[in-house]
Structures are given as structure tokens and as C-alpha cells.
Amino acid sequence: MFAQIVECQAKNGRREELSIKAKNDVLPILQGQPGFVDLIALSHKTSPERLLYISLWEPREGGDSYHRDHYDTISDMLKPILKTAPTLETFTVSASTAHNLAVERAA
């Protein structure tokens, strides 16, 4: 399983608008992609305009396909409410109790 982590910084006073757009506009796109597993949204306690979105994918090609086919369109859609361009990083999920994944251990 793989995770794509997108960090966004909403313009002052527009965090709620960003959250609503993510739920109403971005999530349906993600849910329509092959390999999409889940989306986790995180907000920062002391910097509420800073948001992280973790999307989980299995296999990785689903996330890669989403990134190739939809990421720029979504970034452009959110641009008016973002302070800076979102950043994206991809990670391998090595453990998850929520998804019953085990860490592979070298014998």
C-alpha cells in the first residue's frame, strides 16, 4: 500500500472552504480512481490554515494514475483559496492498524 501526502496552506480565513472543496469536489474524484483505499484529512492545531491530506492506494499505480490524470486539475481548482501551491510526497505504507497491514521483517 502507498500513501500520497498533500500539504496545503489555505489563505487566511479560507480553511473551511478548502475543507468543503476537498470533501465535495476532490474526494469524489479520488473515490472514482482504481486503487483508491482511503483519504485522511489532518488539520494543524496551532496553524489551522495548514492541512494535510493522506490518500492511501493499492497498488501504487492507482495513485500514480490519479497524480498524472487529475492532480494538476485539482491544484488549479484549489489555487484561488490556497496561499501557496500544494506539495505532494509519496510513501510506502509499512504498517497500519486501521488497514490490518503488517510490517515485513527480514528473517
Foldseek 3Di string as FASTA:
>chain_A
DKKKKKKFAFDPPCLVVVVCCCVPPVVVLLVPFPFWDDKDKDADDVRRRIIMIITGGPPPVRVVCCCVPPVVVVQVVCVVGTPDGMDIDMDDDQDDPVVPHHHDDDD
